[in-house]
Amino acid sequence: MHATLETPISFTLMVHHIVLYKLKHEVTPARVEEMMMNARMQLLKIPEVLSIKCGKRIDPETDWPFFIAIDFESMDKFAMFREDSIYVKFVEEVVKPNTEDSLVLDFEMDPGKDVRFS
């Protein structure tokens, strides 16, 4: 008798994309607030974005005073996001004029738990 191996349930790992930014010296706290508002307003229009968080540093000594974190359903959705005209425009009009450096961190995550089925 041969034992049958069951195929594991396949699922797509979610992607958590984090970008830390160093700001140009002339960027004011008011401008950072504007950047946060623009990030939420513009990037949430992109269908592939599941959620977005952005924020500013608490400790003034932190090297990376601004961040954006975005969740995607899959690597495919993340790739589509990077090509989206809204994202490209956001980078050109908000990110590039205000930042001088960035650190990109991408992580795979387990799929989120749907609380309706708990």
N, C-alpha and C. Protein backbone atom coordinates (compact mmCIF):
# COMPACT_ATOMS: atom_id res chain seq x y z
N MET A 1 0.84 -1.18 0.00
CA MET A 1 0.00 0.00 0.00
C MET A 1 0.88 1.24 0.00
N HIS A 2 0.50 2.15 -0.80
CA HIS A 2 1.24 3.41 -0.86
C HIS A 2 0.41 4.51 -0.20
N ALA A 3 1.07 5.26 0.63
CA ALA A 3 0.38 6.40 1.24
C ALA A 3 0.29 7.53 0.23
N THR A 4 -0.82 8.18 0.23
CA THR A 4 -0.99 9.32 -0.68
C THR A 4 -0.64 10.59 0.06
N LEU A 5 0.20 11.38 -0.56
CA LEU A 5 0.56 12.67 0.04
C LEU A 5 -0.43 13.72 -0.42
N GLU A 6 -0.93 14.45 0.54
CA GLU A 6 -1.86 15.51 0.18
C GLU A 6 -1.07 16.74 -0.23
N THR A 7 -1.56 17.39 -1.27
CA THR A 7 -0.92 18.63 -1.70
C THR A 7 -1.30 19.72 -0.71
N PRO A 8 -0.32 20.45 -0.23
CA PRO A 8 -0.66 21.53 0.71
C PRO A 8 -1.53 22.59 0.02
N ILE A 9 -2.35 23.21 0.81
CA ILE A 9 -3.19 24.28 0.28
C ILE A 9 -2.27 25.40 -0.18
N SER A 10 -2.46 25.85 -1.40
CA SER A 10 -1.59 26.91 -1.88
C SER A 10 -2.22 28.27 -1.57
N PHE A 11 -1.41 29.19 -1.23
CA PHE A 11 -1.87 30.55 -0.98
C PHE A 11 -0.76 31.50 -1.39
N THR A 12 -1.15 32.71 -1.66
CA THR A 12 -0.20 33.72 -2.07
C THR A 12 0.22 34.52 -0.84
N LEU A 13 1.51 34.68 -0.67
CA LEU A 13 1.98 35.48 0.44
C LEU A 13 1.77 36.96 0.12
N MET A 14 1.30 37.68 1.12
CA MET A 14 1.11 39.11 0.96
C MET A 14 2.47 39.82 1.00
N VAL A 15 2.50 41.04 0.53
CA VAL A 15 3.73 41.84 0.51
C VAL A 15 3.53 43.09 1.37
N HIS A 16 4.51 43.34 2.23
CA HIS A 16 4.53 44.56 3.04
C HIS A 16 5.73 45.36 2.56
N HIS A 17 5.45 46.51 1.96
CA HIS A 17 6.45 47.38 1.33
C HIS A 17 6.64 48.60 2.23
N ILE A 18 7.85 48.79 2.72
CA ILE A 18 8.14 49.92 3.61
C ILE A 18 9.26 50.74 2.96
N VAL A 19 9.07 52.06 2.94
CA VAL A 19 10.13 52.94 2.46
C VAL A 19 10.38 53.99 3.53
N LEU A 20 11.64 54.06 3.96
CA LEU A 20 12.06 55.10 4.90
C LEU A 20 12.75 56.19 4.09
N TYR A 21 12.47 57.44 4.43
CA TYR A 21 13.02 58.56 3.65
C TYR A 21 13.83 59.51 4.53
N LYS A 22 14.92 60.03 3.95
CA LYS A 22 15.63 61.17 4.51
C LYS A 22 15.11 62.38 3.75
N LEU A 23 14.74 63.42 4.47
CA LEU A 23 14.16 64.61 3.86
C LEU A 23 15.24 65.65 3.56
N LYS A 24 14.97 66.45 2.55
CA LYS A 24 15.86 67.58 2.25
C LYS A 24 15.75 68.57 3.41
N HIS A 25 16.83 69.32 3.65
CA HIS A 25 16.89 70.21 4.81
C HIS A 25 15.79 71.27 4.82
N GLU A 26 15.35 71.70 3.65
CA GLU A 26 14.36 72.77 3.59
C GLU A 26 12.91 72.30 3.82
N VAL A 27 12.70 71.01 3.99
CA VAL A 27 11.34 70.49 4.18
C VAL A 27 10.88 70.81 5.60
N THR A 28 9.76 71.52 5.69
CA THR A 28 9.21 71.97 6.98
C THR A 28 8.27 70.90 7.55
N PRO A 29 7.97 70.98 8.85
CA PRO A 29 6.99 70.06 9.44
C PRO A 29 5.62 70.14 8.72
N ALA A 30 5.24 71.32 8.29
CA ALA A 30 3.98 71.47 7.56
C ALA A 30 4.03 70.71 6.23
N ARG A 31 5.17 70.74 5.59
CA ARG A 31 5.34 70.02 4.32
C ARG A 31 5.26 68.51 4.55
N VAL A 32 5.81 68.03 5.66
CA VAL A 32 5.73 66.60 5.99
C VAL A 32 4.27 66.20 6.16
N GLU A 33 3.49 67.04 6.83
CA GLU A 33 2.05 66.76 7.00
C GLU A 33 1.37 66.67 5.64
N GLU A 34 1.74 67.58 4.75
CA GLU A 34 1.19 67.59 3.39
C GLU A 34 1.58 66.31 2.64
N MET A 35 2.82 65.87 2.81
CA MET A 35 3.28 64.63 2.17
C MET A 35 2.47 63.44 2.67
N MET A 36 2.20 63.39 3.97
CA MET A 36 1.41 62.30 4.54
C MET A 36 0.00 62.30 3.97
N MET A 37 -0.60 63.48 3.90
CA MET A 37 -1.95 63.59 3.35
C MET A 37 -1.98 63.17 1.88
N ASN A 38 -1.00 63.63 1.10
CA ASN A 38 -0.92 63.26 -0.31
C ASN A 38 -0.72 61.77 -0.50
N ALA A 39 0.10 61.16 0.34
CA ALA A 39 0.35 59.72 0.24
C ALA A 39 -0.96 58.96 0.41
N ARG A 40 -1.71 59.29 1.44
CA ARG A 40 -2.98 58.59 1.68
C ARG A 40 -3.99 58.87 0.57
N MET A 41 -4.15 60.14 0.21
CA MET A 41 -5.15 60.51 -0.79
C MET A 41 -4.85 59.93 -2.17
N GLN A 42 -3.60 59.98 -2.59
CA GLN A 42 -3.25 59.53 -3.93
C GLN A 42 -3.09 58.01 -4.03
N LEU A 43 -2.31 57.44 -3.12
CA LEU A 43 -1.97 56.02 -3.25
C LEU A 43 -3.15 55.10 -2.97
N LEU A 44 -4.11 55.55 -2.16
CA LEU A 44 -5.29 54.71 -1.92
C LEU A 44 -6.22 54.64 -3.14
N LYS A 45 -5.99 55.49 -4.12
CA LYS A 45 -6.77 55.43 -5.37
C LYS A 45 -6.33 54.25 -6.24
N ILE A 46 -5.18 53.69 -5.95
CA ILE A 46 -4.63 52.60 -6.75
C ILE A 46 -5.26 51.29 -6.28
N PRO A 47 -5.95 50.58 -7.18
CA PRO A 47 -6.72 49.40 -6.77
C PRO A 47 -5.88 48.29 -6.10
N GLU A 48 -4.62 48.18 -6.44
CA GLU A 48 -3.78 47.11 -5.89
C GLU A 48 -3.38 47.34 -4.43
N VAL A 49 -3.55 48.55 -3.92
CA VAL A 49 -3.17 48.88 -2.55
C VAL A 49 -4.23 48.38 -1.58
N LEU A 50 -3.83 47.48 -0.67
CA LEU A 50 -4.77 47.00 0.36
C LEU A 50 -4.86 47.99 1.50
N SER A 51 -3.70 48.50 1.93
CA SER A 51 -3.69 49.48 3.02
C SER A 51 -2.40 50.28 2.93
N ILE A 52 -2.46 51.46 3.50
CA ILE A 52 -1.28 52.33 3.52
C ILE A 52 -1.18 52.98 4.89
N LYS A 53 0.05 53.09 5.35
CA LYS A 53 0.34 53.83 6.57
C LYS A 53 1.53 54.73 6.24
N CYS A 54 1.53 55.90 6.81
CA CYS A 54 2.69 56.78 6.66
C CYS A 54 2.82 57.57 7.93
N GLY A 55 4.00 58.08 8.18
CA GLY A 55 4.19 58.81 9.41
C GLY A 55 5.52 59.52 9.47
N LYS A 56 5.67 60.25 10.56
CA LYS A 56 6.89 61.03 10.77
C LYS A 56 7.53 60.58 12.08
N ARG A 57 8.82 60.83 12.18
CA ARG A 57 9.58 60.38 13.34
C ARG A 57 9.11 61.06 14.63
N ILE A 58 9.32 60.35 15.72
CA ILE A 58 9.06 60.89 17.05
C ILE A 58 10.35 61.47 17.61
N ASP A 59 11.43 60.72 17.43
CA ASP A 59 12.74 61.12 17.93
C ASP A 59 13.46 61.96 16.87
N PRO A 60 13.76 63.22 17.17
CA PRO A 60 14.41 64.09 16.18
C PRO A 60 15.79 63.60 15.74
N GLU A 61 16.39 62.67 16.48
CA GLU A 61 17.71 62.15 16.13
C GLU A 61 17.64 61.00 15.13
N THR A 62 16.44 60.50 14.84
CA THR A 62 16.28 59.39 13.91
C THR A 62 16.72 59.81 12.52
N ASP A 63 17.50 58.95 11.86
CA ASP A 63 18.02 59.25 10.52
C ASP A 63 16.95 59.29 9.44
N TRP A 64 15.86 58.58 9.64
CA TRP A 64 14.81 58.46 8.62
C TRP A 64 13.54 59.10 9.15
N PRO A 65 13.30 60.39 8.88
CA PRO A 65 12.19 61.10 9.51
C PRO A 65 10.80 60.85 8.91
N PHE A 66 10.71 60.11 7.82
CA PHE A 66 9.40 59.91 7.18
C PHE A 66 9.33 58.50 6.62
N PHE A 67 8.16 57.87 6.71
CA PHE A 67 8.02 56.54 6.13
C PHE A 67 6.65 56.38 5.47
N ILE A 68 6.61 55.45 4.53
CA ILE A 68 5.37 54.99 3.92
C ILE A 68 5.41 53.47 3.94
N ALA A 69 4.33 52.83 4.37
CA ALA A 69 4.22 51.37 4.38
C ALA A 69 2.93 50.99 3.67
N ILE A 70 3.04 50.08 2.72
CA ILE A 70 1.88 49.69 1.92
C ILE A 70 1.80 48.17 1.87
N ASP A 71 0.58 47.64 1.98
CA ASP A 71 0.35 46.20 1.88
C ASP A 71 -0.28 45.86 0.54
N PHE A 72 0.17 44.73 -0.02
CA PHE A 72 -0.35 44.22 -1.29
C PHE A 72 -0.72 42.75 -1.12
N GLU A 73 -1.68 42.33 -1.92
CA GLU A 73 -2.16 40.95 -1.89
C GLU A 73 -1.12 39.96 -2.41
N SER A 74 -0.24 40.41 -3.31
CA SER A 74 0.73 39.50 -3.92
C SER A 74 1.85 40.31 -4.57
N MET A 75 2.90 39.60 -4.99
CA MET A 75 4.00 40.25 -5.72
C MET A 75 3.49 40.80 -7.06
N ASP A 76 2.54 40.12 -7.68
CA ASP A 76 1.97 40.61 -8.94
C ASP A 76 1.29 41.96 -8.74
N LYS A 77 0.52 42.08 -7.66
CA LYS A 77 -0.17 43.35 -7.39
C LYS A 77 0.85 44.45 -7.07
N PHE A 78 1.92 44.08 -6.39
CA PHE A 78 2.97 45.04 -6.07
C PHE A 78 3.63 45.53 -7.36
N ALA A 79 3.90 44.62 -8.28
CA ALA A 79 4.50 44.99 -9.57
C ALA A 79 3.56 45.92 -10.35
N MET A 80 2.27 45.64 -10.31
CA MET A 80 1.29 46.50 -11.01
C MET A 80 1.27 47.89 -10.39
N PHE A 81 1.35 47.96 -9.07
CA PHE A 81 1.37 49.23 -8.35
C PHE A 81 2.54 50.10 -8.82
N ARG A 82 3.72 49.49 -8.93
CA ARG A 82 4.92 50.26 -9.31
C ARG A 82 4.81 50.86 -10.70
N GLU A 83 3.98 50.29 -11.56
CA GLU A 83 3.79 50.80 -12.92
C GLU A 83 2.62 51.77 -13.02
N ASP A 84 1.83 51.88 -11.97
CA ASP A 84 0.61 52.70 -12.01
C ASP A 84 0.95 54.19 -12.17
N SER A 85 0.22 54.87 -13.04
CA SER A 85 0.51 56.28 -13.31
C SER A 85 0.33 57.17 -12.07
N ILE A 86 -0.59 56.81 -11.18
CA ILE A 86 -0.78 57.60 -9.95
C ILE A 86 0.47 57.51 -9.09
N TYR A 87 1.04 56.31 -8.97
CA TYR A 87 2.25 56.12 -8.17
C TYR A 87 3.43 56.86 -8.80
N VAL A 88 3.58 56.73 -10.11
CA VAL A 88 4.68 57.40 -10.82
C VAL A 88 4.59 58.91 -10.60
N LYS A 89 3.39 59.46 -10.71
CA LYS A 89 3.18 60.89 -10.50
C LYS A 89 3.49 61.29 -9.05
N PHE A 90 3.08 60.45 -8.09
CA PHE A 90 3.34 60.71 -6.67
C PHE A 90 4.85 60.78 -6.42
N VAL A 91 5.59 59.86 -6.98
CA VAL A 91 7.05 59.85 -6.81
C VAL A 91 7.65 61.12 -7.40
N GLU A 92 7.23 61.50 -8.60
CA GLU A 92 7.79 62.67 -9.27
C GLU A 92 7.43 63.98 -8.57
N GLU A 93 6.19 64.09 -8.07
CA GLU A 93 5.71 65.37 -7.54
C GLU A 93 5.82 65.51 -6.03
N VAL A 94 5.86 64.40 -5.30
CA VAL A 94 5.90 64.48 -3.84
C VAL A 94 7.22 63.95 -3.28
N VAL A 95 7.62 62.77 -3.72
CA VAL A 95 8.80 62.14 -3.13
C VAL A 95 10.09 62.83 -3.58
N LYS A 96 10.34 62.88 -4.86
CA LYS A 96 11.63 63.41 -5.36
C LYS A 96 11.92 64.85 -4.93
N PRO A 97 10.95 65.77 -4.98
CA PRO A 97 11.27 67.15 -4.58
C PRO A 97 11.57 67.33 -3.09
N ASN A 98 11.16 66.35 -2.25
CA ASN A 98 11.26 66.52 -0.80
C ASN A 98 12.24 65.59 -0.10
N THR A 99 12.75 64.59 -0.81
CA THR A 99 13.61 63.61 -0.16
C THR A 99 14.99 63.58 -0.82
N GLU A 100 15.98 63.15 -0.02
CA GLU A 100 17.33 63.04 -0.58
C GLU A 100 17.86 61.62 -0.55
N ASP A 101 17.18 60.73 0.17
CA ASP A 101 17.62 59.34 0.22
C ASP A 101 16.45 58.49 0.68
N SER A 102 16.52 57.19 0.37
CA SER A 102 15.47 56.28 0.83
C SER A 102 16.04 54.90 1.09
N LEU A 103 15.36 54.18 1.95
CA LEU A 103 15.69 52.80 2.26
C LEU A 103 14.42 51.99 2.05
N VAL A 104 14.46 51.05 1.10
CA VAL A 104 13.28 50.26 0.76
C VAL A 104 13.42 48.88 1.40
N LEU A 105 12.37 48.47 2.09
CA LEU A 105 12.32 47.17 2.75
C LEU A 105 11.04 46.46 2.32
N ASP A 106 11.16 45.30 1.70
CA ASP A 106 10.00 44.54 1.26
C ASP A 106 9.98 43.20 2.00
N PHE A 107 8.82 42.84 2.53
CA PHE A 107 8.67 41.62 3.29
C PHE A 107 7.48 40.81 2.79
N GLU A 108 7.61 39.48 2.84
CA GLU A 108 6.47 38.61 2.60
C GLU A 108 5.78 38.40 3.94
N MET A 109 4.44 38.36 3.90
CA MET A 109 3.66 38.14 5.12
C MET A 109 2.68 37.01 4.87
N ASP A 110 2.25 36.38 5.94
CA ASP A 110 1.17 35.43 5.81
C ASP A 110 -0.07 36.19 5.40
N PRO A 111 -0.97 35.54 4.66
CA PRO A 111 -2.20 36.23 4.29
C PRO A 111 -2.94 36.66 5.56
N GLY A 112 -3.62 37.77 5.48
CA GLY A 112 -4.37 38.26 6.62
C GLY A 112 -5.52 37.32 6.96
N LYS A 113 -5.87 37.28 8.21
CA LYS A 113 -6.97 36.42 8.66
C LYS A 113 -8.28 37.18 8.46
N ASP A 114 -9.21 36.54 7.82
CA ASP A 114 -10.52 37.17 7.64
C ASP A 114 -11.35 36.90 8.89
N VAL A 115 -11.63 37.95 9.65
CA VAL A 115 -12.31 37.80 10.94
C VAL A 115 -13.73 37.29 10.80
N ARG A 116 -14.30 37.38 9.60
CA ARG A 116 -15.66 36.86 9.40
C ARG A 116 -15.72 35.35 9.61
N PHE A 117 -14.60 34.67 9.45
CA PHE A 117 -14.58 33.22 9.55
C PHE A 117 -13.94 32.73 10.85
N SER A 118 -13.78 33.62 11.81
CA SER A 118 -13.16 33.22 13.10
C SER A 118 -14.22 32.68 14.02
